[in-house]
C-alpha atoms as a PDB file:
ATOM      1  CA  MET A   1      -0.386 -17.861  -2.860  1.00  0.00           C
ATOM      2  CA  LYS A   2      -3.542 -18.109  -0.836  1.00  0.00           C
ATOM      3  CA  ASN A   3      -6.740 -16.144  -0.466  1.00  0.00           C
ATOM      4  CA  ILE A   4      -7.018 -13.939   2.578  1.00  0.00           C
ATOM      5  CA  THR A   5      -9.553 -15.431   4.980  1.00  0.00           C
ATOM      6  CA  THR A   6      -9.147 -13.153   7.970  1.00  0.00           C
ATOM      7  CA  SER A   7      -9.692  -9.400   8.098  1.00  0.00           C
ATOM      8  CA  LEU A   8      -7.267  -7.533  10.290  1.00  0.00           C
ATOM      9  CA  VAL A   9      -6.563  -3.865  10.680  1.00  0.00           C
ATOM     10  CA  ALA A  10      -3.025  -3.294  11.924  1.00  0.00           C
ATOM     11  CA  LEU A  11      -1.811   0.199  12.621  1.00  0.00           C
ATOM     12  CA  ALA A  12       1.641   1.391  13.565  1.00  0.00           C
ATOM     13  CA  ALA A  13       2.648   4.858  14.725  1.00  0.00           C
ATOM     14  CA  THR A  14       6.271   5.800  15.101  1.00  0.00           C
ATOM     15  CA  THR A  15       8.474   8.867  15.316  1.00  0.00           C
ATOM     16  CA  ALA A  16      11.442   8.424  13.012  1.00  0.00           C
ATOM     17  CA  MET A  17      14.923   9.767  13.640  1.00  0.00           C
ATOM     18  CA  SER A  18      14.102  12.735  11.436  1.00  0.00           C
ATOM     19  CA  GLN A  19      11.229  13.496  13.854  1.00  0.00           C
ATOM     20  CA  ALA A  20       8.754  12.850  11.062  1.00  0.00           C
ATOM     21  CA  ALA A  21       5.610  11.076  12.186  1.00  0.00           C
ATOM     22  CA  ILE A  22       5.212   7.815  10.270  1.00  0.00           C
ATOM     23  CA  VAL A  23       2.067   5.704  10.347  1.00  0.00           C
ATOM     24  CA  ALA A  24       2.713   2.478   8.436  1.00  0.00           C
ATOM     25  CA  PHE A  25       0.955  -0.864   8.011  1.00  0.00           C
ATOM     26  CA  SER A  26       1.153  -4.046   5.951  1.00  0.00           C
ATOM     27  CA  ALA A  27      -1.006  -4.219   2.838  1.00  0.00           C
ATOM     28  CA  GLU A  28      -2.511  -7.542   3.925  1.00  0.00           C
ATOM     29  CA  ASP A  29      -3.743  -6.068   7.211  1.00  0.00           C
ATOM     30  CA  GLY A  30      -7.044  -4.653   6.018  1.00  0.00           C
ATOM     31  CA  LEU A  31     -10.523  -5.596   4.833  1.00  0.00           C
ATOM     32  CA  LEU A  32      -9.744  -6.977   1.384  1.00  0.00           C
ATOM     33  CA  GLY A  33     -12.142  -7.699  -1.454  1.00  0.00           C
ATOM     34  CA  SER A  34     -12.215 -11.245  -2.802  1.00  0.00           C
ATOM     35  CA  ASN A  35     -10.056 -10.412  -5.843  1.00  0.00           C
ATOM     36  CA  TRP A  36      -7.069  -9.731  -3.611  1.00  0.00           C
ATOM     37  CA  ILE A  37      -4.585 -12.552  -2.997  1.00  0.00           C
ATOM     38  CA  THR A  38      -1.825 -12.902  -0.413  1.00  0.00           C
ATOM     39  CA  GLY A  39       1.599 -14.128  -1.420  1.00  0.00           C
ATOM     40  CA  VAL A  40       4.199 -15.460   0.995  1.00  0.00           C
ATOM     41  CA  SER A  41       7.845 -16.410   0.742  1.00  0.00           C
ATOM     42  CA  ASP A  42       8.323 -20.101   0.095  1.00  0.00           C
ATOM     43  CA  ALA A  43      10.648 -22.432  -1.761  1.00  0.00           C
ATOM     44  CA  GLY A  44       8.497 -22.376  -4.888  1.00  0.00           C
ATOM     45  CA  GLU A  45       8.460 -18.632  -5.376  1.00  0.00           C
ATOM     46  CA  LEU A  46      10.956 -15.875  -6.130  1.00  0.00           C
ATOM     47  CA  ASN A  47      11.950 -14.438  -2.770  1.00  0.00           C
ATOM     48  CA  PRO A  48       9.849 -11.273  -2.589  1.00  0.00           C
ATOM     49  CA  GLY A  49      11.621  -9.750   0.410  1.00  0.00           C
ATOM     50  CA  ALA A  50       8.289  -8.645   1.809  1.00  0.00           C
ATOM     51  CA  ILE A  51       8.098  -7.239   5.320  1.00  0.00           C
ATOM     52  CA  GLY A  52       6.898 -10.063   7.542  1.00  0.00           C
ATOM     53  CA  GLY A  53       7.128 -12.425   4.557  1.00  0.00           C
ATOM     54  CA  ALA A  54       3.738 -11.589   3.024  1.00  0.00           C
ATOM     55  CA  TYR A  55       2.352  -9.162   0.449  1.00  0.00           C
ATOM     56  CA  VAL A  56      -0.817  -8.754  -1.618  1.00  0.00           C
ATOM     57  CA  THR A  57      -1.493  -8.922  -5.321  1.00  0.00           C
ATOM     58  CA  SER A  58      -4.662  -9.423  -7.339  1.00  0.00           C
ATOM     59  CA  SER A  59      -6.377 -10.584 -10.467  1.00  0.00           C
ATOM     60  CA  ASN A  60      -6.211  -8.274 -13.478  1.00  0.00           C
ATOM     61  CA  ALA A  61      -8.608  -5.430 -14.266  1.00  0.00           C
ATOM     62  CA  THR A  62      -8.791  -2.341 -16.471  1.00  0.00           C
ATOM     63  CA  GLY A  63     -10.594   0.989 -16.516  1.00  0.00           C
ATOM     64  CA  ASP A  64     -10.254   4.299 -14.693  1.00  0.00           C
ATOM     65  CA  SER A  65     -11.708   3.323 -11.308  1.00  0.00           C
ATOM     66  CA  PRO A  66     -12.782   0.184  -9.418  1.00  0.00           C
ATOM     67  CA  THR A  67     -16.262  -1.022 -10.346  1.00  0.00           C
ATOM     68  CA  SER A  68     -16.664  -3.868  -7.843  1.00  0.00           C
ATOM     69  CA  ALA A  69     -16.252  -4.144  -4.078  1.00  0.00           C
ATOM     70  CA  ASN A  70     -14.157  -7.234  -4.812  1.00  0.00           C
ATOM     71  CA  GLN A  71     -11.441  -4.896  -6.123  1.00  0.00           C
ATOM     72  CA  VAL A  72     -11.246  -2.709  -3.017  1.00  0.00           C
ATOM     73  CA  ALA A  73      -9.030  -2.914   0.064  1.00  0.00           C
ATOM     74  CA  THR A  74     -10.148  -0.817   3.046  1.00  0.00           C
ATOM     75  CA  TYR A  75      -7.963   0.253   5.965  1.00  0.00           C
ATOM     76  CA  THR A  76      -8.764   2.179   9.155  1.00  0.00           C
ATOM     77  CA  VAL A  77      -5.812   4.355  10.080  1.00  0.00           C
ATOM     78  CA  ALA A  78      -5.137   6.271  13.312  1.00  0.00           C
ATOM     79  CA  LEU A  79      -3.390   9.565  12.552  1.00  0.00           C
ATOM     80  CA  ASP A  80      -2.897  12.973  14.138  1.00  0.00           C
ATOM     81  CA  ALA A  81      -5.951  15.202  13.731  1.00  0.00           C
ATOM     82  CA  ALA A  82      -5.826  18.176  11.376  1.00  0.00           C
ATOM     83  CA  THR A  83      -2.585  17.008   9.755  1.00  0.00           C
ATOM     84  CA  THR A  84      -1.612  16.576   6.108  1.00  0.00           C
ATOM     85  CA  TYR A  85       0.300  13.466   5.028  1.00  0.00           C
ATOM     86  CA  ASP A  86       2.196  12.160   2.015  1.00  0.00           C
ATOM     87  CA  LEU A  87       1.490   8.585   0.914  1.00  0.00           C
ATOM     88  CA  TYR A  88       4.339   6.093   0.421  1.00  0.00           C
ATOM     89  CA  VAL A  89       3.742   2.579  -0.948  1.00  0.00           C
ATOM     90  CA  ARG A  90       6.152  -0.371  -0.920  1.00  0.00           C
ATOM     91  CA  ILE A  91       5.715  -2.088  -4.304  1.00  0.00           C
ATOM     92  CA  ARG A  92       7.282  -4.667  -6.565  1.00  0.00           C
ATOM     93  CA  VAL A  93       6.652  -4.752 -10.328  1.00  0.00           C
ATOM     94  CA  ASP A  94       7.084  -8.293 -11.620  1.00  0.00           C
ATOM     95  CA  GLU A  95       9.044  -8.668 -14.854  1.00  0.00           C
ATOM     96  CA  ASN A  96       6.080 -10.820 -15.984  1.00  0.00           C
ATOM     97  CA  GLY A  97       7.868 -12.515 -18.871  1.00  0.00           C
ATOM     98  CA  GLY A  98       8.845  -9.212 -20.421  1.00  0.00           C
ATOM     99  CA  ASN A  99       5.379  -7.688 -20.056  1.00  0.00           C
ATOM    100  CA  SER A 100       5.905  -5.659 -16.886  1.00  0.00           C
ATOM    101  CA  ALA A 101       3.639  -2.945 -18.305  1.00  0.00           C
ATOM    102  CA  GLY A 102       0.721  -5.344 -17.802  1.00  0.00           C
ATOM    103  CA  VAL A 103       1.190  -5.615 -14.043  1.00  0.00           C
ATOM    104  CA  ASP A 104       2.082  -2.097 -12.906  1.00  0.00           C
ATOM    105  CA  SER A 105      -1.034  -0.122 -11.974  1.00  0.00           C
ATOM    106  CA  ILE A 106      -3.340   0.508  -9.021  1.00  0.00           C
ATOM    107  CA  PHE A 107      -6.232   2.770  -7.971  1.00  0.00           C
ATOM    108  CA  ILE A 108      -5.800   5.082  -4.966  1.00  0.00           C
ATOM    109  CA  GLY A 109      -8.792   6.727  -3.311  1.00  0.00           C
ATOM    110  CA  GLU A 110      -8.717  10.523  -3.553  1.00  0.00           C
ATOM    111  CA  GLY A 111      -8.072  11.531   0.039  1.00  0.00           C
ATOM    112  CA  PHE A 112      -9.534   9.690   3.001  1.00  0.00           C
ATOM    113  CA  GLY A 113     -13.035   8.224   3.251  1.00  0.00           C
ATOM    114  CA  ILE A 114     -15.240   5.613   1.571  1.00  0.00           C
ATOM    115  CA  LYS A 115     -15.215   6.063  -2.200  1.00  0.00           C
ATOM    116  CA  VAL A 116     -18.002   5.480  -4.724  1.00  0.00           C
ATOM    117  CA  LEU A 117     -17.349   2.578  -7.091  1.00  0.00           C
ATOM    118  CA  GLY A 118     -17.090   3.614 -10.726  1.00  0.00           C
ATOM    119  CA  ASP A 119     -16.762   7.334  -9.921  1.00  0.00           C
ATOM    120  CA  ASN A 120     -13.531   8.331 -11.658  1.00  0.00           C
ATOM    121  CA  ALA A 121     -13.409  11.641  -9.782  1.00  0.00           C
ATOM    122  CA  GLN A 122     -12.993   9.788  -6.487  1.00  0.00           C
ATOM    123  CA  TRP A 123     -10.098   7.571  -7.566  1.00  0.00           C
ATOM    124  CA  THR A 124      -6.620   8.183  -8.975  1.00  0.00           C
ATOM    125  CA  ARG A 125      -5.378   5.655 -11.522  1.00  0.00           C
ATOM    126  CA  VAL A 126      -1.657   5.112 -10.946  1.00  0.00           C
ATOM    127  CA  ASN A 127      -0.153   3.454 -14.007  1.00  0.00           C
ATOM    128  CA  GLY A 128       3.270   2.949 -15.568  1.00  0.00           C
ATOM    129  CA  LEU A 129       5.103   1.872 -12.422  1.00  0.00           C
ATOM    130  CA  ASN A 130       7.408  -0.475 -14.345  1.00  0.00           C
ATOM    131  CA  GLU A 131      11.023   0.594 -14.890  1.00  0.00           C
ATOM    132  CA  ASN A 132      10.574   1.094 -18.634  1.00  0.00           C
ATOM    133  CA  SER A 133       7.713   3.575 -18.266  1.00  0.00           C
ATOM    134  CA  ASN A 134       8.902   5.791 -15.432  1.00  0.00           C
ATOM    135  CA  SER A 135      11.795   7.427 -13.650  1.00  0.00           C
ATOM    136  CA  TYR A 136      10.352   7.144 -10.151  1.00  0.00           C
ATOM    137  CA  VAL A 137      12.832   6.970  -7.301  1.00  0.00           C
ATOM    138  CA  ASN A 138      12.905   5.526  -3.793  1.00  0.00           C
ATOM    139  CA  PRO A 139      13.506   7.781  -0.752  1.00  0.00           C
ATOM    140  CA  GLU A 140      17.261   7.556  -1.388  1.00  0.00           C
ATOM    141  CA  SER A 141      16.725   9.014  -4.900  1.00  0.00           C
ATOM    142  CA  VAL A 142      17.640   5.718  -6.581  1.00  0.00           C
ATOM    143  CA  GLU A 143      15.469   4.875  -9.592  1.00  0.00           C
ATOM    144  CA  ILE A 144      13.237   1.880  -8.933  1.00  0.00           C
ATOM    145  CA  THR A 145      13.610  -1.311 -10.987  1.00  0.00           C
ATOM    146  CA  ASN A 146      11.442  -4.320 -11.763  1.00  0.00           C
ATOM    147  CA  ASP A 147      11.612  -7.475  -9.632  1.00  0.00           C
ATOM    148  CA  THR A 148      12.739  -5.545  -6.542  1.00  0.00           C
ATOM    149  CA  TRP A 149      10.867  -4.145  -3.551  1.00  0.00           C
ATOM    150  CA  ASN A 150      10.891  -0.344  -3.411  1.00  0.00           C
ATOM    151  CA  TRP A 151       9.292   2.315  -1.250  1.00  0.00           C
ATOM    152  CA  VAL A 152       7.849   4.951  -3.595  1.00  0.00           C
ATOM    153  CA  LYS A 153       6.440   8.319  -2.612  1.00  0.00           C
ATOM    154  CA  PHE A 154       3.108   8.358  -4.423  1.00  0.00           C
ATOM    155  CA  SER A 155       2.064  11.853  -3.295  1.00  0.00           C
ATOM    156  CA  GLY A 156       3.435  14.312  -5.818  1.00  0.00           C
ATOM    157  CA  GLN A 157       5.742  11.894  -7.647  1.00  0.00           C
ATOM    158  CA  VAL A 158       3.557   9.346  -9.406  1.00  0.00           C
ATOM    159  CA  THR A 159       2.215  11.358 -12.316  1.00  0.00           C
ATOM    160  CA  GLN A 160       1.956   9.307 -15.514  1.00  0.00           C
ATOM    161  CA  ASP A 161      -1.851   9.401 -15.447  1.00  0.00           C
ATOM    162  CA  GLU A 162      -2.501  12.103 -12.837  1.00  0.00           C
ATOM    163  CA  PRO A 163      -0.828  13.150  -9.592  1.00  0.00           C
ATOM    164  CA  VAL A 164      -1.608  11.416  -6.311  1.00  0.00           C
ATOM    165  CA  GLY A 165      -2.382  14.160  -3.838  1.00  0.00           C
ATOM    166  CA  THR A 166      -1.753  14.567  -0.138  1.00  0.00           C
ATOM    167  CA  PHE A 167      -4.078  13.233   2.561  1.00  0.00           C
ATOM    168  CA  THR A 168      -5.524  15.565   5.211  1.00  0.00           C
ATOM    169  CA  THR A 169      -7.120  14.235   8.380  1.00  0.00           C
ATOM    170  CA  ALA A 170     -10.082  15.688  10.218  1.00  0.00           C
ATOM    171  CA  THR A 171     -10.674  13.685  13.396  1.00  0.00           C
ATOM    172  CA  GLY A 172      -7.490  11.602  13.123  1.00  0.00           C
ATOM    173  CA  VAL A 173      -9.147   8.195  12.587  1.00  0.00           C
ATOM    174  CA  GLU A 174      -9.614   7.816   8.862  1.00  0.00           C
ATOM    175  CA  THR A 175     -10.611   5.288   6.197  1.00  0.00           C
ATOM    176  CA  PHE A 176      -8.120   4.711   3.382  1.00  0.00           C
ATOM    177  CA  GLN A 177      -9.133   2.786   0.256  1.00  0.00           C
ATOM    178  CA  VAL A 178      -7.155   1.201  -2.571  1.00  0.00           C
ATOM    179  CA  GLY A 179      -8.457  -0.611  -5.643  1.00  0.00           C
ATOM    180  CA  HIS A 180      -6.545  -3.205  -7.619  1.00  0.00           C
ATOM    181  CA  ARG A 181      -6.152  -2.697 -11.348  1.00  0.00           C
ATOM    182  CA  GLU A 182      -3.309  -4.909 -12.551  1.00  0.00           C
ATOM    183  CA  GLU A 183      -1.280  -7.554 -10.764  1.00  0.00           C
ATOM    184  CA  LEU A 184       1.013  -5.179  -8.879  1.00  0.00           C
ATOM    185  CA  TRP A 185       2.685  -6.616  -5.759  1.00  0.00           C
ATOM    186  CA  ILE A 186       2.037  -4.421  -2.715  1.00  0.00           C
ATOM    187  CA  ASP A 187       3.768  -4.895   0.630  1.00  0.00           C
ATOM    188  CA  ALA A 188       2.940  -1.891   2.801  1.00  0.00           C
ATOM    189  CA  TYR A 189       1.635   1.657   3.011  1.00  0.00           C
ATOM    190  CA  ALA A 190       2.960   4.597   5.026  1.00  0.00           C
ATOM    191  CA  PHE A 191       1.677   8.078   5.775  1.00  0.00           C
ATOM    192  CA  VAL A 192       4.361  10.675   6.543  1.00  0.00           C
ATOM    193  CA  ASP A 193       3.942  14.330   7.524  1.00  0.00           C
ATOM    194  CA  THR A 194       3.914  16.261   4.259  1.00  0.00           C
ATOM    195  CA  GLY A 195       7.322  17.614   3.339  1.00  0.00           C
ATOM    196  CA  GLU A 196       9.273  15.485   5.828  1.00  0.00           C
ATOM    197  CA  VAL A 197      12.270  13.547   4.501  1.00  0.00           C
ATOM    198  CA  VAL A 198      12.460   9.857   5.436  1.00  0.00           C
ATOM    199  CA  THR A 199      14.524   6.828   4.436  1.00  0.00           C
ATOM    200  CA  SER A 200      13.420   3.423   3.219  1.00  0.00           C
ATOM    201  CA  ALA A 201      14.794   1.917   6.435  1.00  0.00           C
ATOM    202  CA  GLN A 202      12.688   4.255   8.563  1.00  0.00           C
ATOM    203  CA  LEU A 203       9.542   3.406   6.607  1.00  0.00           C
ATOM    204  CA  THR A 204      10.197  -0.332   6.871  1.00  0.00           C
ATOM    205  CA  ALA A 205      10.901  -0.094  10.604  1.00  0.00           C
ATOM    206  CA  ALA A 206       7.534   1.605  11.107  1.00  0.00           C
ATOM    207  CA  VAL A 207       5.559  -1.329   9.687  1.00  0.00           C
ATOM    208  CA  VAL A 208       4.160  -3.814  12.189  1.00  0.00           C
ATOM    209  CA  PRO A 209       4.234  -7.262  10.517  1.00  0.00           C
ATOM    210  CA  GLU A 210       1.083  -9.348  10.426  1.00  0.00           C
ATOM    211  CA  PRO A 211       0.806 -11.848  13.316  1.00  0.00           C
ATOM    212  CA  SER A 212       1.330 -15.517  12.505  1.00  0.00           C
ATOM    213  CA  SER A 213      -1.562 -17.429  10.971  1.00  0.00           C
ATOM    214  CA  SER A 214      -1.996 -19.401  14.190  1.00  0.00           C
ATOM    215  CA  ALA A 215      -2.450 -16.185  16.138  1.00  0.00           C
ATOM    216  CA  LEU A 216      -5.099 -15.008  13.680  1.00  0.00           C
ATOM    217  CA  ILE A 217      -7.359 -18.024  14.057  1.00  0.00           C
ATOM    218  CA  GLY A 218      -9.204 -16.536  17.017  1.00  0.00           C
ATOM    219  CA  LEU A 219      -9.161 -12.963  15.740  1.00  0.00           C
ATOM    220  CA  ALA A 220     -11.535 -13.049  12.780  1.00  0.00           C
ATOM    221  CA  GLY A 221     -13.663  -9.932  12.667  1.00  0.00           C
ATOM    222  CA  VAL A 222     -11.643  -8.155  15.348  1.00  0.00           C
ATOM    223  CA  ALA A 223      -9.852  -4.918  14.513  1.00  0.00           C
ATOM    224  CA  LEU A 224      -6.515  -4.685  16.274  1.00  0.00           C
ATOM    225  CA  ILE A 225      -4.547  -1.509  16.768  1.00  0.00           C
ATOM    226  CA  PHE A 226      -0.799  -1.921  17.208  1.00  0.00           C
ATOM    227  CA  ARG A 227       1.284   1.065  18.246  1.00  0.00           C
ATOM    228  CA  ARG A 228       5.047   1.204  18.329  1.00  0.00           C
ATOM    229  CA  ARG A 229       7.293   4.202  18.878  1.00  0.00           C
ATOM    230  CA  LYS A 230      10.952   4.521  18.063  1.00  0.00           C
END
């Protein structure tokens, strides 16, 4: 694993075969606080199967909302104006030596926009993502398991602590914030028109992988917008 040293905003917009609009992006392609860590596939690590070979995880924290900017990841997302979206997240809960309950939570900002640190009303604590604490399913209605990558519909499904709501845009260009809580592995995020049915394959195809590290050397501080339609 290595610390992220380059900030990059990568956006992808696609129309899936179901005609649902999908806007998806890699979790590492944002402005990440210093507590976030990138992990990549290599010979010394369990193959994570991450899109583009990289994912993010973090140090451990507790509480009901992020209290430090170091915990927060910020993304700028281009969406259709005046549209409501469901949030999907591609996650992996590590077995963690039999203590998967210690690495299975995250904070999601309530709706779009910059959130106030320490204000519980502005953050949703998503906990109990491990297979022993939930019955969450992937888009194919298969229950998720530890040590595997799964797309999970957070909006309306993740409810152990409190429901994650939908996300409604105003102008179309929005800020989305996430806070780390425990050492959950996160690969990608996707916003899908509320109520539309999608598959894991469609969500994965909508993600634009992060450019190679060599390509990023000259891009520090530059926000890139990638668009791809299918």
